mmCIF file of all heavy atoms, coordinates in Angstrom:
data_MODEL
# 
_entry.id   MODEL 
# 
loop_
_atom_site.group_PDB 
_atom_site.id 
_atom_site.type_symbol 
_atom_site.label_atom_id 
_atom_site.label_alt_id 
_atom_site.label_comp_id 
_atom_site.label_asym_id 
_atom_site.label_entity_id 
_atom_site.label_seq_id 
_atom_site.pdbx_PDB_ins_code 
_atom_site.Cartn_x 
_atom_site.Cartn_y 
_atom_site.Cartn_z 
_atom_site.occupancy 
_atom_site.B_iso_or_equiv 
_atom_site.pdbx_formal_charge 
_atom_site.auth_seq_id 
_atom_site.auth_comp_id 
_atom_site.auth_asym_id 
_atom_site.auth_atom_id 
_atom_site.pdbx_PDB_model_num 
ATOM 1   N N   . LYS A 1 1  ? 111.242 113.653 76.961 1.00 0.00 ? 1  LYS A N   1 
ATOM 2   C CA  . LYS A 1 1  ? 112.277 112.726 76.473 1.00 0.00 ? 1  LYS A CA  1 
ATOM 3   C C   . LYS A 1 1  ? 112.321 111.471 77.351 1.00 0.00 ? 1  LYS A C   1 
ATOM 4   O O   . LYS A 1 1  ? 112.396 110.350 76.844 1.00 0.00 ? 1  LYS A O   1 
ATOM 5   C CB  . LYS A 1 1  ? 113.638 113.435 76.474 1.00 0.00 ? 1  LYS A CB  1 
ATOM 6   C CG  . LYS A 1 1  ? 114.748 112.632 75.864 1.00 0.00 ? 1  LYS A CG  1 
ATOM 7   C CD  . LYS A 1 1  ? 116.043 113.426 75.837 1.00 0.00 ? 1  LYS A CD  1 
ATOM 8   C CE  . LYS A 1 1  ? 117.168 112.577 75.290 1.00 0.00 ? 1  LYS A CE  1 
ATOM 9   N NZ  . LYS A 1 1  ? 118.457 113.262 75.341 1.00 0.00 ? 1  LYS A NZ  1 
ATOM 10  N N   . GLN A 1 2  ? 112.264 111.648 78.660 1.00 0.00 ? 2  GLN A N   1 
ATOM 11  C CA  . GLN A 1 2  ? 112.305 110.506 79.581 1.00 0.00 ? 2  GLN A CA  1 
ATOM 12  C C   . GLN A 1 2  ? 111.082 109.613 79.413 1.00 0.00 ? 2  GLN A C   1 
ATOM 13  O O   . GLN A 1 2  ? 111.190 108.389 79.415 1.00 0.00 ? 2  GLN A O   1 
ATOM 14  C CB  . GLN A 1 2  ? 112.416 111.004 81.026 1.00 0.00 ? 2  GLN A CB  1 
ATOM 15  C CG  . GLN A 1 2  ? 113.746 111.638 81.348 1.00 0.00 ? 2  GLN A CG  1 
ATOM 16  C CD  . GLN A 1 2  ? 113.767 112.330 82.707 1.00 0.00 ? 2  GLN A CD  1 
ATOM 17  O OE1 . GLN A 1 2  ? 112.730 112.719 83.240 1.00 0.00 ? 2  GLN A OE1 1 
ATOM 18  N NE2 . GLN A 1 2  ? 114.965 112.503 83.264 1.00 0.00 ? 2  GLN A NE2 1 
ATOM 19  N N   . ILE A 1 3  ? 109.919 110.223 79.271 1.00 0.00 ? 3  ILE A N   1 
ATOM 20  C CA  . ILE A 1 3  ? 108.682 109.449 79.118 1.00 0.00 ? 3  ILE A CA  1 
ATOM 21  C C   . ILE A 1 3  ? 108.702 108.693 77.793 1.00 0.00 ? 3  ILE A C   1 
ATOM 22  O O   . ILE A 1 3  ? 108.308 107.529 77.729 1.00 0.00 ? 3  ILE A O   1 
ATOM 23  C CB  . ILE A 1 3  ? 107.442 110.362 79.231 1.00 0.00 ? 3  ILE A CB  1 
ATOM 24  C CG1 . ILE A 1 3  ? 107.302 110.856 80.673 1.00 0.00 ? 3  ILE A CG1 1 
ATOM 25  C CG2 . ILE A 1 3  ? 106.182 109.634 78.788 1.00 0.00 ? 3  ILE A CG2 1 
ATOM 26  C CD1 . ILE A 1 3  ? 106.269 111.947 80.857 1.00 0.00 ? 3  ILE A CD1 1 
ATOM 27  N N   . ARG A 1 4  ? 109.173 109.353 76.738 1.00 0.00 ? 4  ARG A N   1 
ATOM 28  C CA  . ARG A 1 4  ? 109.284 108.663 75.439 1.00 0.00 ? 4  ARG A CA  1 
ATOM 29  C C   . ARG A 1 4  ? 110.177 107.437 75.561 1.00 0.00 ? 4  ARG A C   1 
ATOM 30  O O   . ARG A 1 4  ? 109.882 106.384 74.983 1.00 0.00 ? 4  ARG A O   1 
ATOM 31  C CB  . ARG A 1 4  ? 109.853 109.603 74.383 1.00 0.00 ? 4  ARG A CB  1 
ATOM 32  C CG  . ARG A 1 4  ? 108.813 110.439 73.736 1.00 0.00 ? 4  ARG A CG  1 
ATOM 33  C CD  . ARG A 1 4  ? 109.219 110.868 72.334 1.00 0.00 ? 4  ARG A CD  1 
ATOM 34  N NE  . ARG A 1 4  ? 108.138 111.652 71.785 1.00 0.00 ? 4  ARG A NE  1 
ATOM 35  C CZ  . ARG A 1 4  ? 108.137 112.970 71.730 1.00 0.00 ? 4  ARG A CZ  1 
ATOM 36  N NH1 . ARG A 1 4  ? 109.161 113.654 72.171 1.00 0.00 ? 4  ARG A NH1 1 
ATOM 37  N NH2 . ARG A 1 4  ? 107.106 113.605 71.231 1.00 0.00 ? 4  ARG A NH2 1 
ATOM 38  N N   . GLN A 1 5  ? 111.261 107.571 76.304 1.00 0.00 ? 5  GLN A N   1 
ATOM 39  C CA  . GLN A 1 5  ? 112.180 106.452 76.496 1.00 0.00 ? 5  GLN A CA  1 
ATOM 40  C C   . GLN A 1 5  ? 111.482 105.287 77.209 1.00 0.00 ? 5  GLN A C   1 
ATOM 41  O O   . GLN A 1 5  ? 111.634 104.141 76.828 1.00 0.00 ? 5  GLN A O   1 
ATOM 42  C CB  . GLN A 1 5  ? 113.419 106.910 77.289 1.00 0.00 ? 5  GLN A CB  1 
ATOM 43  C CG  . GLN A 1 5  ? 114.469 105.847 77.470 1.00 0.00 ? 5  GLN A CG  1 
ATOM 44  C CD  . GLN A 1 5  ? 115.089 105.402 76.154 1.00 0.00 ? 5  GLN A CD  1 
ATOM 45  O OE1 . GLN A 1 5  ? 115.239 106.183 75.229 1.00 0.00 ? 5  GLN A OE1 1 
ATOM 46  N NE2 . GLN A 1 5  ? 115.426 104.123 76.076 1.00 0.00 ? 5  GLN A NE2 1 
ATOM 47  N N   . VAL A 1 6  ? 110.698 105.601 78.228 1.00 0.00 ? 6  VAL A N   1 
ATOM 48  C CA  . VAL A 1 6  ? 109.947 104.570 78.948 1.00 0.00 ? 6  VAL A CA  1 
ATOM 49  C C   . VAL A 1 6  ? 108.969 103.871 78.005 1.00 0.00 ? 6  VAL A C   1 
ATOM 50  O O   . VAL A 1 6  ? 108.861 102.644 77.995 1.00 0.00 ? 6  VAL A O   1 
ATOM 51  C CB  . VAL A 1 6  ? 109.196 105.171 80.164 1.00 0.00 ? 6  VAL A CB  1 
ATOM 52  C CG1 . VAL A 1 6  ? 108.203 104.188 80.757 1.00 0.00 ? 6  VAL A CG1 1 
ATOM 53  C CG2 . VAL A 1 6  ? 110.184 105.630 81.225 1.00 0.00 ? 6  VAL A CG2 1 
ATOM 54  N N   . LEU A 1 7  ? 108.275 104.644 77.183 1.00 0.00 ? 7  LEU A N   1 
ATOM 55  C CA  . LEU A 1 7  ? 107.323 104.069 76.234 1.00 0.00 ? 7  LEU A CA  1 
ATOM 56  C C   . LEU A 1 7  ? 108.019 103.192 75.196 1.00 0.00 ? 7  LEU A C   1 
ATOM 57  O O   . LEU A 1 7  ? 107.554 102.095 74.882 1.00 0.00 ? 7  LEU A O   1 
ATOM 58  C CB  . LEU A 1 7  ? 106.520 105.173 75.540 1.00 0.00 ? 7  LEU A CB  1 
ATOM 59  C CG  . LEU A 1 7  ? 105.446 105.837 76.383 1.00 0.00 ? 7  LEU A CG  1 
ATOM 60  C CD1 . LEU A 1 7  ? 104.934 107.102 75.702 1.00 0.00 ? 7  LEU A CD1 1 
ATOM 61  C CD2 . LEU A 1 7  ? 104.299 104.876 76.661 1.00 0.00 ? 7  LEU A CD2 1 
ATOM 62  N N   . VAL A 1 8  ? 109.150 103.645 74.685 1.00 0.00 ? 8  VAL A N   1 
ATOM 63  C CA  . VAL A 1 8  ? 109.901 102.861 73.695 1.00 0.00 ? 8  VAL A CA  1 
ATOM 64  C C   . VAL A 1 8  ? 110.378 101.550 74.311 1.00 0.00 ? 8  VAL A C   1 
ATOM 65  O O   . VAL A 1 8  ? 110.227 100.480 73.722 1.00 0.00 ? 8  VAL A O   1 
ATOM 66  C CB  . VAL A 1 8  ? 111.099 103.680 73.141 1.00 0.00 ? 8  VAL A CB  1 
ATOM 67  C CG1 . VAL A 1 8  ? 112.079 102.805 72.395 1.00 0.00 ? 8  VAL A CG1 1 
ATOM 68  C CG2 . VAL A 1 8  ? 110.599 104.797 72.241 1.00 0.00 ? 8  VAL A CG2 1 
ATOM 69  N N   . GLU A 1 9  ? 110.921 101.630 75.513 1.00 0.00 ? 9  GLU A N   1 
ATOM 70  C CA  . GLU A 1 9  ? 111.407 100.419 76.185 1.00 0.00 ? 9  GLU A CA  1 
ATOM 71  C C   . GLU A 1 9  ? 110.273 99.446  76.478 1.00 0.00 ? 9  GLU A C   1 
ATOM 72  O O   . GLU A 1 9  ? 110.449 98.238  76.393 1.00 0.00 ? 9  GLU A O   1 
ATOM 73  C CB  . GLU A 1 9  ? 112.137 100.786 77.481 1.00 0.00 ? 9  GLU A CB  1 
ATOM 74  C CG  . GLU A 1 9  ? 113.481 101.422 77.248 1.00 0.00 ? 9  GLU A CG  1 
ATOM 75  C CD  . GLU A 1 9  ? 114.133 101.946 78.517 1.00 0.00 ? 9  GLU A CD  1 
ATOM 76  O OE1 . GLU A 1 9  ? 113.621 101.669 79.628 1.00 0.00 ? 9  GLU A OE1 1 
ATOM 77  O OE2 . GLU A 1 9  ? 115.161 102.642 78.399 1.00 0.00 ? 9  GLU A OE2 1 
ATOM 78  N N   . SER A 1 10 ? 109.095 99.968  76.792 1.00 0.00 ? 10 SER A N   1 
ATOM 79  C CA  . SER A 1 10 ? 107.976 99.091  77.119 1.00 0.00 ? 10 SER A CA  1 
ATOM 80  C C   . SER A 1 10 ? 107.471 98.343  75.887 1.00 0.00 ? 10 SER A C   1 
ATOM 81  O O   . SER A 1 10 ? 106.858 97.284  76.010 1.00 0.00 ? 10 SER A O   1 
ATOM 82  C CB  . SER A 1 10 ? 106.836 99.883  77.758 1.00 0.00 ? 10 SER A CB  1 
ATOM 83  O OG  . SER A 1 10 ? 106.143 100.641 76.788 1.00 0.00 ? 10 SER A OG  1 
ATOM 84  N N   . GLU A 1 11 ? 107.712 98.886  74.708 1.00 0.00 ? 11 GLU A N   1 
ATOM 85  C CA  . GLU A 1 11 ? 107.244 98.261  73.477 1.00 0.00 ? 11 GLU A CA  1 
ATOM 86  C C   . GLU A 1 11 ? 108.271 97.307  72.856 1.00 0.00 ? 11 GLU A C   1 
ATOM 87  O O   . GLU A 1 11 ? 107.973 96.642  71.873 1.00 0.00 ? 11 GLU A O   1 
ATOM 88  C CB  . GLU A 1 11 ? 106.875 99.334  72.445 1.00 0.00 ? 11 GLU A CB  1 
ATOM 89  C CG  . GLU A 1 11 ? 105.668 100.164 72.832 1.00 0.00 ? 11 GLU A CG  1 
ATOM 90  C CD  . GLU A 1 11 ? 104.420 99.311  73.077 1.00 0.00 ? 11 GLU A CD  1 
ATOM 91  O OE1 . GLU A 1 11 ? 104.173 98.368  72.311 1.00 0.00 ? 11 GLU A OE1 1 
ATOM 92  O OE2 . GLU A 1 11 ? 103.706 99.598  74.049 1.00 0.00 ? 11 GLU A OE2 1 
ATOM 93  N N   . GLN A 1 12 ? 109.468 97.271  73.421 1.00 0.00 ? 12 GLN A N   1 
ATOM 94  C CA  . GLN A 1 12 ? 110.491 96.386  72.864 1.00 0.00 ? 12 GLN A CA  1 
ATOM 95  C C   . GLN A 1 12 ? 110.138 94.924  73.128 1.00 0.00 ? 12 GLN A C   1 
ATOM 96  O O   . GLN A 1 12 ? 109.466 94.592  74.105 1.00 0.00 ? 12 GLN A O   1 
ATOM 97  C CB  . GLN A 1 12 ? 111.866 96.707  73.450 1.00 0.00 ? 12 GLN A CB  1 
ATOM 98  C CG  . GLN A 1 12 ? 112.390 98.044  72.969 1.00 0.00 ? 12 GLN A CG  1 
ATOM 99  C CD  . GLN A 1 12 ? 113.724 98.418  73.603 1.00 0.00 ? 12 GLN A CD  1 
ATOM 100 O OE1 . GLN A 1 12 ? 114.115 97.857  74.611 1.00 0.00 ? 12 GLN A OE1 1 
ATOM 101 N NE2 . GLN A 1 12 ? 114.400 99.362  72.999 1.00 0.00 ? 12 GLN A NE2 1 
ATOM 102 N N   . ILE A 1 13 ? 110.619 94.069  72.258 1.00 0.00 ? 13 ILE A N   1 
ATOM 103 C CA  . ILE A 1 13 ? 110.373 92.632  72.395 1.00 0.00 ? 13 ILE A CA  1 
ATOM 104 C C   . ILE A 1 13 ? 111.068 92.134  73.650 1.00 0.00 ? 13 ILE A C   1 
ATOM 105 O O   . ILE A 1 13 ? 112.231 92.463  73.914 1.00 0.00 ? 13 ILE A O   1 
ATOM 106 C CB  . ILE A 1 13 ? 110.883 91.881  71.154 1.00 0.00 ? 13 ILE A CB  1 
ATOM 107 C CG1 . ILE A 1 13 ? 110.067 92.304  69.939 1.00 0.00 ? 13 ILE A CG1 1 
ATOM 108 C CG2 . ILE A 1 13 ? 110.814 90.381  71.351 1.00 0.00 ? 13 ILE A CG2 1 
ATOM 109 C CD1 . ILE A 1 13 ? 110.557 91.721  68.632 1.00 0.00 ? 13 ILE A CD1 1 
ATOM 110 N N   . ARG A 1 14 ? 110.335 91.333  74.417 1.00 0.00 ? 14 ARG A N   1 
ATOM 111 C CA  . ARG A 1 14 ? 110.885 90.793  75.654 1.00 0.00 ? 14 ARG A CA  1 
ATOM 112 C C   . ARG A 1 14 ? 111.802 89.612  75.357 1.00 0.00 ? 14 ARG A C   1 
ATOM 113 O O   . ARG A 1 14 ? 111.493 88.778  74.527 1.00 0.00 ? 14 ARG A O   1 
ATOM 114 C CB  . ARG A 1 14 ? 109.775 90.302  76.581 1.00 0.00 ? 14 ARG A CB  1 
ATOM 115 C CG  . ARG A 1 14 ? 108.950 91.391  77.159 1.00 0.00 ? 14 ARG A CG  1 
ATOM 116 C CD  . ARG A 1 14 ? 107.930 90.816  78.097 1.00 0.00 ? 14 ARG A CD  1 
ATOM 117 N NE  . ARG A 1 14 ? 106.749 90.405  77.320 1.00 0.00 ? 14 ARG A NE  1 
ATOM 118 C CZ  . ARG A 1 14 ? 105.801 89.620  77.769 1.00 0.00 ? 14 ARG A CZ  1 
ATOM 119 N NH1 . ARG A 1 14 ? 105.877 89.124  78.968 1.00 0.00 ? 14 ARG A NH1 1 
ATOM 120 N NH2 . ARG A 1 14 ? 104.772 89.319  77.025 1.00 0.00 ? 14 ARG A NH2 1 
ATOM 121 N N   . ARG A 1 15 ? 112.879 89.547  76.062 1.00 0.00 ? 15 ARG A N   1 
ATOM 122 C CA  . ARG A 1 15 ? 113.779 88.398  75.992 1.00 0.00 ? 15 ARG A CA  1 
ATOM 123 C C   . ARG A 1 15 ? 113.460 87.516  77.188 1.00 0.00 ? 15 ARG A C   1 
ATOM 124 O O   . ARG A 1 15 ? 113.557 87.954  78.325 1.00 0.00 ? 15 ARG A O   1 
ATOM 125 C CB  . ARG A 1 15 ? 115.241 88.825  76.058 1.00 0.00 ? 15 ARG A CB  1 
ATOM 126 C CG  . ARG A 1 15 ? 115.633 89.801  74.972 1.00 0.00 ? 15 ARG A CG  1 
ATOM 127 C CD  . ARG A 1 15 ? 116.045 89.052  73.719 1.00 0.00 ? 15 ARG A CD  1 
ATOM 128 N NE  . ARG A 1 15 ? 116.492 89.970  72.709 1.00 0.00 ? 15 ARG A NE  1 
ATOM 129 C CZ  . ARG A 1 15 ? 115.931 90.085  71.514 1.00 0.00 ? 15 ARG A CZ  1 
ATOM 130 N NH1 . ARG A 1 15 ? 114.913 89.336  71.192 1.00 0.00 ? 15 ARG A NH1 1 
ATOM 131 N NH2 . ARG A 1 15 ? 116.382 90.947  70.642 1.00 0.00 ? 15 ARG A NH2 1 
ATOM 132 N N   . GLU A 1 16 ? 113.047 86.285  76.900 1.00 0.00 ? 16 GLU A N   1 
ATOM 133 C CA  . GLU A 1 16 ? 112.699 85.368  77.979 1.00 0.00 ? 16 GLU A CA  1 
ATOM 134 C C   . GLU A 1 16 ? 113.334 84.019  77.706 1.00 0.00 ? 16 GLU A C   1 
ATOM 135 O O   . GLU A 1 16 ? 113.588 83.662  76.558 1.00 0.00 ? 16 GLU A O   1 
ATOM 136 C CB  . GLU A 1 16 ? 111.174 85.202  78.074 1.00 0.00 ? 16 GLU A CB  1 
ATOM 137 C CG  . GLU A 1 16 ? 110.463 86.476  78.449 1.00 0.00 ? 16 GLU A CG  1 
ATOM 138 C CD  . GLU A 1 16 ? 108.951 86.357  78.385 1.00 0.00 ? 16 GLU A CD  1 
ATOM 139 O OE1 . GLU A 1 16 ? 108.438 85.697  77.469 1.00 0.00 ? 16 GLU A OE1 1 
ATOM 140 O OE2 . GLU A 1 16 ? 108.308 86.929  79.262 1.00 0.00 ? 16 GLU A OE2 1 
ATOM 141 N N   . ALA A 1 17 ? 113.558 83.275  78.768 1.00 0.00 ? 17 ALA A N   1 
ATOM 142 C CA  . ALA A 1 17 ? 114.085 81.924  78.628 1.00 0.00 ? 17 ALA A CA  1 
ATOM 143 C C   . ALA A 1 17 ? 113.087 81.074  77.847 1.00 0.00 ? 17 ALA A C   1 
ATOM 144 O O   . ALA A 1 17 ? 111.883 81.335  77.849 1.00 0.00 ? 17 ALA A O   1 
ATOM 145 C CB  . ALA A 1 17 ? 114.340 81.318  80.004 1.00 0.00 ? 17 ALA A CB  1 
ATOM 146 N N   . ASP A 1 18 ? 113.600 80.062  77.178 1.00 0.00 ? 18 ASP A N   1 
ATOM 147 C CA  . ASP A 1 18 ? 112.749 79.206  76.351 1.00 0.00 ? 18 ASP A CA  1 
ATOM 148 C C   . ASP A 1 18 ? 111.728 78.416  77.153 1.00 0.00 ? 18 ASP A C   1 
ATOM 149 O O   . ASP A 1 18 ? 110.723 77.978  76.608 1.00 0.00 ? 18 ASP A O   1 
ATOM 150 C CB  . ASP A 1 18 ? 113.615 78.230  75.539 1.00 0.00 ? 18 ASP A CB  1 
ATOM 151 C CG  . ASP A 1 18 ? 114.402 78.943  74.458 1.00 0.00 ? 18 ASP A CG  1 
ATOM 152 O OD1 . ASP A 1 18 ? 113.999 80.061  74.068 1.00 0.00 ? 18 ASP A OD1 1 
ATOM 153 O OD2 . ASP A 1 18 ? 115.411 78.384  74.006 1.00 0.00 ? 18 ASP A OD2 1 
ATOM 154 N N   . ASP A 1 19 ? 112.002 78.212  78.431 1.00 0.00 ? 19 ASP A N   1 
ATOM 155 C CA  . ASP A 1 19 ? 111.120 77.346  79.212 1.00 0.00 ? 19 ASP A CA  1 
ATOM 156 C C   . ASP A 1 19 ? 110.269 78.098  80.232 1.00 0.00 ? 19 ASP A C   1 
ATOM 157 O O   . ASP A 1 19 ? 109.716 77.515  81.149 1.00 0.00 ? 19 ASP A O   1 
ATOM 158 C CB  . ASP A 1 19 ? 111.942 76.265  79.919 1.00 0.00 ? 19 ASP A CB  1 
ATOM 159 C CG  . ASP A 1 19 ? 112.936 76.855  80.909 1.00 0.00 ? 19 ASP A CG  1 
ATOM 160 O OD1 . ASP A 1 19 ? 113.161 78.084  80.880 1.00 0.00 ? 19 ASP A OD1 1 
ATOM 161 O OD2 . ASP A 1 19 ? 113.488 76.085  81.707 1.00 0.00 ? 19 ASP A OD2 1 
ATOM 162 N N   . VAL A 1 20 ? 110.136 79.405  80.050 1.00 0.00 ? 20 VAL A N   1 
ATOM 163 C CA  . VAL A 1 20 ? 109.385 80.213  81.013 1.00 0.00 ? 20 VAL A CA  1 
ATOM 164 C C   . VAL A 1 20 ? 107.886 79.875  80.930 1.00 0.00 ? 20 VAL A C   1 
ATOM 165 O O   . VAL A 1 20 ? 107.347 79.659  79.855 1.00 0.00 ? 20 VAL A O   1 
ATOM 166 C CB  . VAL A 1 20 ? 109.652 81.725  80.787 1.00 0.00 ? 20 VAL A CB  1 
ATOM 167 C CG1 . VAL A 1 20 ? 109.048 82.213  79.501 1.00 0.00 ? 20 VAL A CG1 1 
ATOM 168 C CG2 . VAL A 1 20 ? 109.154 82.556  81.943 1.00 0.00 ? 20 VAL A CG2 1 
ATOM 169 N N   . GLY A 1 21 ? 107.254 79.801  82.098 1.00 0.00 ? 21 GLY A N   1 
ATOM 170 C CA  . GLY A 1 21 ? 105.847 79.419  82.183 1.00 0.00 ? 21 GLY A CA  1 
ATOM 171 C C   . GLY A 1 21 ? 104.900 80.609  82.130 1.00 0.00 ? 21 GLY A C   1 
ATOM 172 O O   . GLY A 1 21 ? 105.337 81.765  82.061 1.00 0.00 ? 21 GLY A O   1 
ATOM 173 N N   . PRO A 1 22 ? 103.600 80.334  82.183 1.00 0.00 ? 22 PRO A N   1 
ATOM 174 C CA  . PRO A 1 22 ? 102.600 81.401  82.030 1.00 0.00 ? 22 PRO A CA  1 
ATOM 175 C C   . PRO A 1 22 ? 102.559 82.396  83.182 1.00 0.00 ? 22 PRO A C   1 
ATOM 176 O O   . PRO A 1 22 ? 102.113 83.531  82.999 1.00 0.00 ? 22 PRO A O   1 
ATOM 177 C CB  . PRO A 1 22 ? 101.275 80.638  81.916 1.00 0.00 ? 22 PRO A CB  1 
ATOM 178 C CG  . PRO A 1 22 ? 101.529 79.315  82.538 1.00 0.00 ? 22 PRO A CG  1 
ATOM 179 C CD  . PRO A 1 22 ? 102.976 79.018  82.319 1.00 0.00 ? 22 PRO A CD  1 
ATOM 180 N N   . SER A 1 23 ? 103.037 82.017  84.344 1.00 0.00 ? 23 SER A N   1 
ATOM 181 C CA  . SER A 1 23 ? 103.029 82.989  85.449 1.00 0.00 ? 23 SER A CA  1 
ATOM 182 C C   . SER A 1 23 ? 103.967 84.160  85.149 1.00 0.00 ? 23 SER A C   1 
ATOM 183 O O   . SER A 1 23 ? 103.775 85.255  85.668 1.00 0.00 ? 23 SER A O   1 
ATOM 184 C CB  . SER A 1 23 ? 103.386 82.317  86.776 1.00 0.00 ? 23 SER A CB  1 
ATOM 185 O OG  . SER A 1 23 ? 104.632 81.682  86.684 1.00 0.00 ? 23 SER A OG  1 
ATOM 186 N N   . ALA A 1 24 ? 104.956 83.940  84.285 1.00 0.00 ? 24 ALA A N   1 
ATOM 187 C CA  . ALA A 1 24 ? 105.858 85.027  83.890 1.00 0.00 ? 24 ALA A CA  1 
ATOM 188 C C   . ALA A 1 24 ? 105.104 86.103  83.112 1.00 0.00 ? 24 ALA A C   1 
ATOM 189 O O   . ALA A 1 24 ? 105.449 87.286  83.186 1.00 0.00 ? 24 ALA A O   1 
ATOM 190 C CB  . ALA A 1 24 ? 107.010 84.485  83.047 1.00 0.00 ? 24 ALA A CB  1 
ATOM 191 N N   . GLU A 1 25 ? 104.079 85.697  82.379 1.00 0.00 ? 25 GLU A N   1 
ATOM 192 C CA  . GLU A 1 25 ? 103.259 86.661  81.631 1.00 0.00 ? 25 GLU A CA  1 
ATOM 193 C C   . GLU A 1 25 ? 102.529 87.583  82.599 1.00 0.00 ? 25 GLU A C   1 
ATOM 194 O O   . GLU A 1 25 ? 102.518 88.803  82.428 1.00 0.00 ? 25 GLU A O   1 
ATOM 195 C CB  . GLU A 1 25 ? 102.268 85.913  80.734 1.00 0.00 ? 25 GLU A CB  1 
ATOM 196 C CG  . GLU A 1 25 ? 101.505 86.783  79.797 1.00 0.00 ? 25 GLU A CG  1 
ATOM 197 C CD  . GLU A 1 25 ? 102.318 87.323  78.630 1.00 0.00 ? 25 GLU A CD  1 
ATOM 198 O OE1 . GLU A 1 25 ? 103.515 86.974  78.480 1.00 0.00 ? 25 GLU A OE1 1 
ATOM 199 O OE2 . GLU A 1 25 ? 101.758 88.124  77.868 1.00 0.00 ? 25 GLU A OE2 1 
# 
């Protein structure tokens, strides 16, 4: 259950600021 949660969270869409640069990737 814990591992599934980690996998689900890792696949969620990231919320990032509009002006974030490529180093954030």
